[in-house]
Amino acid sequence: MTTPDSPRLVIEEYIAACRAGNVARLRAIFHPQALMTGYLAGQFLCGPPEPFFAAVQSQPAPDKSGADYRAEIVSVEVTGDVATATLREWGYLGLDFTDHFHLVRVEGKWKIASKTFTSH
């Protein structure tokens, strides 16, 4: 898979990969040294995205489970080779989320460098 060529397209691919439960697609859009920080059901988490990938792998994909997964890109802001994006998700892995992404363009490819999130 080629990396999407804009921050918005990266977040759209994130949504599609989550909906499909496709960890390989998720890995392709995260920088290898990415970090995830936030609150999952009130518990503070901070580290690489591997636990997230494992959770995605262990659950049935929303598009196969019949789950009512919805996502909306709230904003995307680009400044040169860096960008921020905010995403709202409903019904993902049984929870609702607000995600804040930082993206970087490295060697012409946009990647997620960090994801800060909270569940509702």
C-alpha atoms as a PDB file:
ATOM      1  CA  MET A   1       0.000   0.000   0.000  1.00  0.00           C
ATOM      2  CA  THR A   2       1.285   3.464  -0.799  1.00  0.00           C
ATOM      3  CA  THR A   3       1.113   6.154   1.827  1.00  0.00           C
ATOM      4  CA  PRO A   4      -1.640   8.750   1.229  1.00  0.00           C
ATOM      5  CA  ASP A   5      -0.263  12.047  -0.037  1.00  0.00           C
ATOM      6  CA  SER A   6      -2.069  14.438   2.310  1.00  0.00           C
ATOM      7  CA  PRO A   7      -2.785  14.517   6.049  1.00  0.00           C
ATOM      8  CA  ARG A   8      -6.556  14.324   5.411  1.00  0.00           C
ATOM      9  CA  LEU A   9      -6.082  11.228   3.268  1.00  0.00           C
ATOM     10  CA  VAL A  10      -3.959   9.644   6.027  1.00  0.00           C
ATOM     11  CA  ILE A  11      -6.803  10.167   8.512  1.00  0.00           C
ATOM     12  CA  GLU A  12      -9.322   8.835   5.980  1.00  0.00           C
ATOM     13  CA  GLU A  13      -7.098   5.747   5.614  1.00  0.00           C
ATOM     14  CA  TYR A  14      -6.954   5.463   9.428  1.00  0.00           C
ATOM     15  CA  ILE A  15     -10.786   5.397   9.500  1.00  0.00           C
ATOM     16  CA  ALA A  16     -10.956   2.827   6.696  1.00  0.00           C
ATOM     17  CA  ALA A  17      -8.306   0.621   8.331  1.00  0.00           C
ATOM     18  CA  CYS A  18     -10.094   0.783  11.697  1.00  0.00           C
ATOM     19  CA  ARG A  19     -13.429  -0.032  10.044  1.00  0.00           C
ATOM     20  CA  ALA A  20     -11.818  -3.031   8.294  1.00  0.00           C
ATOM     21  CA  GLY A  21      -9.830  -4.100  11.375  1.00  0.00           C
ATOM     22  CA  ASN A  22      -6.726  -4.113   9.177  1.00  0.00           C
ATOM     23  CA  VAL A  23      -3.565  -3.762  11.284  1.00  0.00           C
ATOM     24  CA  ALA A  24      -1.250  -3.863   8.253  1.00  0.00           C
ATOM     25  CA  ARG A  25      -2.979  -0.781   6.840  1.00  0.00           C
ATOM     26  CA  LEU A  26      -2.714   0.971  10.216  1.00  0.00           C
ATOM     27  CA  ARG A  27       0.998   0.173  10.533  1.00  0.00           C
ATOM     28  CA  ALA A  28       1.579   1.633   7.064  1.00  0.00           C
ATOM     29  CA  ILE A  29       0.340   5.090   8.116  1.00  0.00           C
ATOM     30  CA  PHE A  30       2.066   5.291  11.517  1.00  0.00           C
ATOM     31  CA  HIS A  31       5.698   6.393  11.724  1.00  0.00           C
ATOM     32  CA  PRO A  32       7.844   3.533  13.140  1.00  0.00           C
ATOM     33  CA  GLN A  33       8.656   5.680  16.204  1.00  0.00           C
ATOM     34  CA  ALA A  34       5.091   6.955  16.758  1.00  0.00           C
ATOM     35  CA  LEU A  35       3.650   7.392  20.233  1.00  0.00           C
ATOM     36  CA  MET A  36       0.122   7.109  21.567  1.00  0.00           C
ATOM     37  CA  THR A  37      -0.911   8.927  24.723  1.00  0.00           C
ATOM     38  CA  GLY A  38      -4.299   9.282  26.315  1.00  0.00           C
ATOM     39  CA  TYR A  39      -7.094   7.929  28.415  1.00  0.00           C
ATOM     40  CA  LEU A  40      -8.869   4.641  27.737  1.00  0.00           C
ATOM     41  CA  ALA A  41     -11.889   4.196  30.012  1.00  0.00           C
ATOM     42  CA  GLY A  42     -10.205   6.482  32.565  1.00  0.00           C
ATOM     43  CA  GLN A  43      -6.832   4.705  32.496  1.00  0.00           C
ATOM     44  CA  PHE A  44      -3.805   6.755  31.376  1.00  0.00           C
ATOM     45  CA  LEU A  45      -1.744   5.093  28.638  1.00  0.00           C
ATOM     46  CA  CYS A  46       1.481   6.238  27.007  1.00  0.00           C
ATOM     47  CA  GLY A  47       3.745   4.363  24.623  1.00  0.00           C
ATOM     48  CA  PRO A  48       4.073   2.921  21.136  1.00  0.00           C
ATOM     49  CA  PRO A  49       0.944   1.977  19.183  1.00  0.00           C
ATOM     50  CA  GLU A  50       1.543  -1.790  19.556  1.00  0.00           C
ATOM     51  CA  PRO A  51      -1.168  -2.265  22.242  1.00  0.00           C
ATOM     52  CA  PHE A  52      -3.627  -0.453  19.961  1.00  0.00           C
ATOM     53  CA  PHE A  53      -2.651  -2.682  17.038  1.00  0.00           C
ATOM     54  CA  ALA A  54      -3.120  -5.765  19.261  1.00  0.00           C
ATOM     55  CA  ALA A  55      -6.584  -4.554  20.333  1.00  0.00           C
ATOM     56  CA  VAL A  56      -7.590  -3.990  16.709  1.00  0.00           C
ATOM     57  CA  GLN A  57      -6.272  -7.452  15.775  1.00  0.00           C
ATOM     58  CA  SER A  58      -8.158  -9.179  18.617  1.00  0.00           C
ATOM     59  CA  GLN A  59     -11.578  -7.628  17.959  1.00  0.00           C
ATOM     60  CA  PRO A  60     -13.919  -8.319  15.074  1.00  0.00           C
ATOM     61  CA  ALA A  61     -13.768  -5.522  12.518  1.00  0.00           C
ATOM     62  CA  PRO A  62     -16.727  -3.130  12.791  1.00  0.00           C
ATOM     63  CA  ASP A  63     -17.633  -3.750   9.142  1.00  0.00           C
ATOM     64  CA  LYS A  64     -17.827  -7.500   9.851  1.00  0.00           C
ATOM     65  CA  SER A  65     -19.383  -7.366  13.327  1.00  0.00           C
ATOM     66  CA  GLY A  66     -22.267  -5.091  12.415  1.00  0.00           C
ATOM     67  CA  ALA A  67     -21.060  -2.517  14.963  1.00  0.00           C
ATOM     68  CA  ASP A  68     -22.295   1.018  14.461  1.00  0.00           C
ATOM     69  CA  TYR A  69     -18.866   2.589  13.922  1.00  0.00           C
ATOM     70  CA  ARG A  70     -18.933   6.198  12.766  1.00  0.00           C
ATOM     71  CA  ALA A  71     -16.121   8.676  12.388  1.00  0.00           C
ATOM     72  CA  GLU A  72     -15.906  12.348  11.530  1.00  0.00           C
ATOM     73  CA  ILE A  73     -12.816  14.388  10.712  1.00  0.00           C
ATOM     74  CA  VAL A  74     -13.349  17.574  12.705  1.00  0.00           C
ATOM     75  CA  SER A  75     -10.288  19.480  11.516  1.00  0.00           C
ATOM     76  CA  VAL A  76      -7.012  19.237   9.631  1.00  0.00           C
ATOM     77  CA  GLU A  77      -4.390  21.960   9.765  1.00  0.00           C
ATOM     78  CA  VAL A  78      -1.167  21.851   7.739  1.00  0.00           C
ATOM     79  CA  THR A  79       1.921  23.989   8.255  1.00  0.00           C
ATOM     80  CA  GLY A  80       4.697  23.014   5.877  1.00  0.00           C
ATOM     81  CA  ASP A  81       5.761  19.456   6.652  1.00  0.00           C
ATOM     82  CA  VAL A  82       3.741  19.099   9.868  1.00  0.00           C
ATOM     83  CA  ALA A  83       0.016  18.798  10.445  1.00  0.00           C
ATOM     84  CA  THR A  84      -2.585  18.262  13.128  1.00  0.00           C
ATOM     85  CA  ALA A  85      -5.949  16.563  12.791  1.00  0.00           C
ATOM     86  CA  THR A  86      -8.864  15.928  15.122  1.00  0.00           C
ATOM     87  CA  LEU A  87     -11.126  12.919  14.689  1.00  0.00           C
ATOM     88  CA  ARG A  88     -14.313  11.928  16.527  1.00  0.00           C
ATOM     89  CA  GLU A  89     -15.213   8.230  16.602  1.00  0.00           C
ATOM     90  CA  TRP A  90     -18.386   6.583  17.847  1.00  0.00           C
ATOM     91  CA  GLY A  91     -18.775   2.882  18.587  1.00  0.00           C
ATOM     92  CA  TYR A  92     -15.139   1.873  18.072  1.00  0.00           C
ATOM     93  CA  LEU A  93     -14.028  -1.114  20.147  1.00  0.00           C
ATOM     94  CA  GLY A  94     -17.152  -0.465  22.206  1.00  0.00           C
ATOM     95  CA  LEU A  95     -16.303   3.156  23.061  1.00  0.00           C
ATOM     96  CA  ASP A  96     -16.484   6.684  21.673  1.00  0.00           C
ATOM     97  CA  PHE A  97     -13.232   8.595  21.168  1.00  0.00           C
ATOM     98  CA  THR A  98     -11.798  11.994  20.412  1.00  0.00           C
ATOM     99  CA  ASP A  99      -8.383  11.636  18.761  1.00  0.00           C
ATOM    100  CA  HIS A 100      -5.797  14.325  18.101  1.00  0.00           C
ATOM    101  CA  PHE A 101      -3.134  13.371  15.576  1.00  0.00           C
ATOM    102  CA  HIS A 102       0.217  14.943  14.776  1.00  0.00           C
ATOM    103  CA  LEU A 103       1.490  14.076  11.328  1.00  0.00           C
ATOM    104  CA  VAL A 104       4.846  14.669   9.669  1.00  0.00           C
ATOM    105  CA  ARG A 105       5.971  14.491   6.068  1.00  0.00           C
ATOM    106  CA  VAL A 106       9.175  12.475   5.932  1.00  0.00           C
ATOM    107  CA  GLU A 107      10.830  11.923   2.558  1.00  0.00           C
ATOM    108  CA  GLY A 108       7.633  13.072   0.862  1.00  0.00           C
ATOM    109  CA  LYS A 109       5.297  10.702   2.758  1.00  0.00           C
ATOM    110  CA  TRP A 110       2.801  11.729   5.462  1.00  0.00           C
ATOM    111  CA  LYS A 111       2.864   9.573   8.605  1.00  0.00           C
ATOM    112  CA  ILE A 112       1.155   9.711  11.983  1.00  0.00           C
ATOM    113  CA  ALA A 113       3.838  10.683  14.504  1.00  0.00           C
ATOM    114  CA  SER A 114       1.563  10.772  17.529  1.00  0.00           C
ATOM    115  CA  LYS A 115      -2.005  10.171  18.563  1.00  0.00           C
ATOM    116  CA  THR A 116      -3.431  11.683  21.745  1.00  0.00           C
ATOM    117  CA  PHE A 117      -6.859  10.348  22.611  1.00  0.00           C
ATOM    118  CA  THR A 118      -9.594  10.102  25.183  1.00  0.00           C
ATOM    119  CA  SER A 119     -12.575   7.783  25.397  1.00  0.00           C
ATOM    120  CA  HIS A 120     -16.011   9.034  26.386  1.00  0.00           C
END
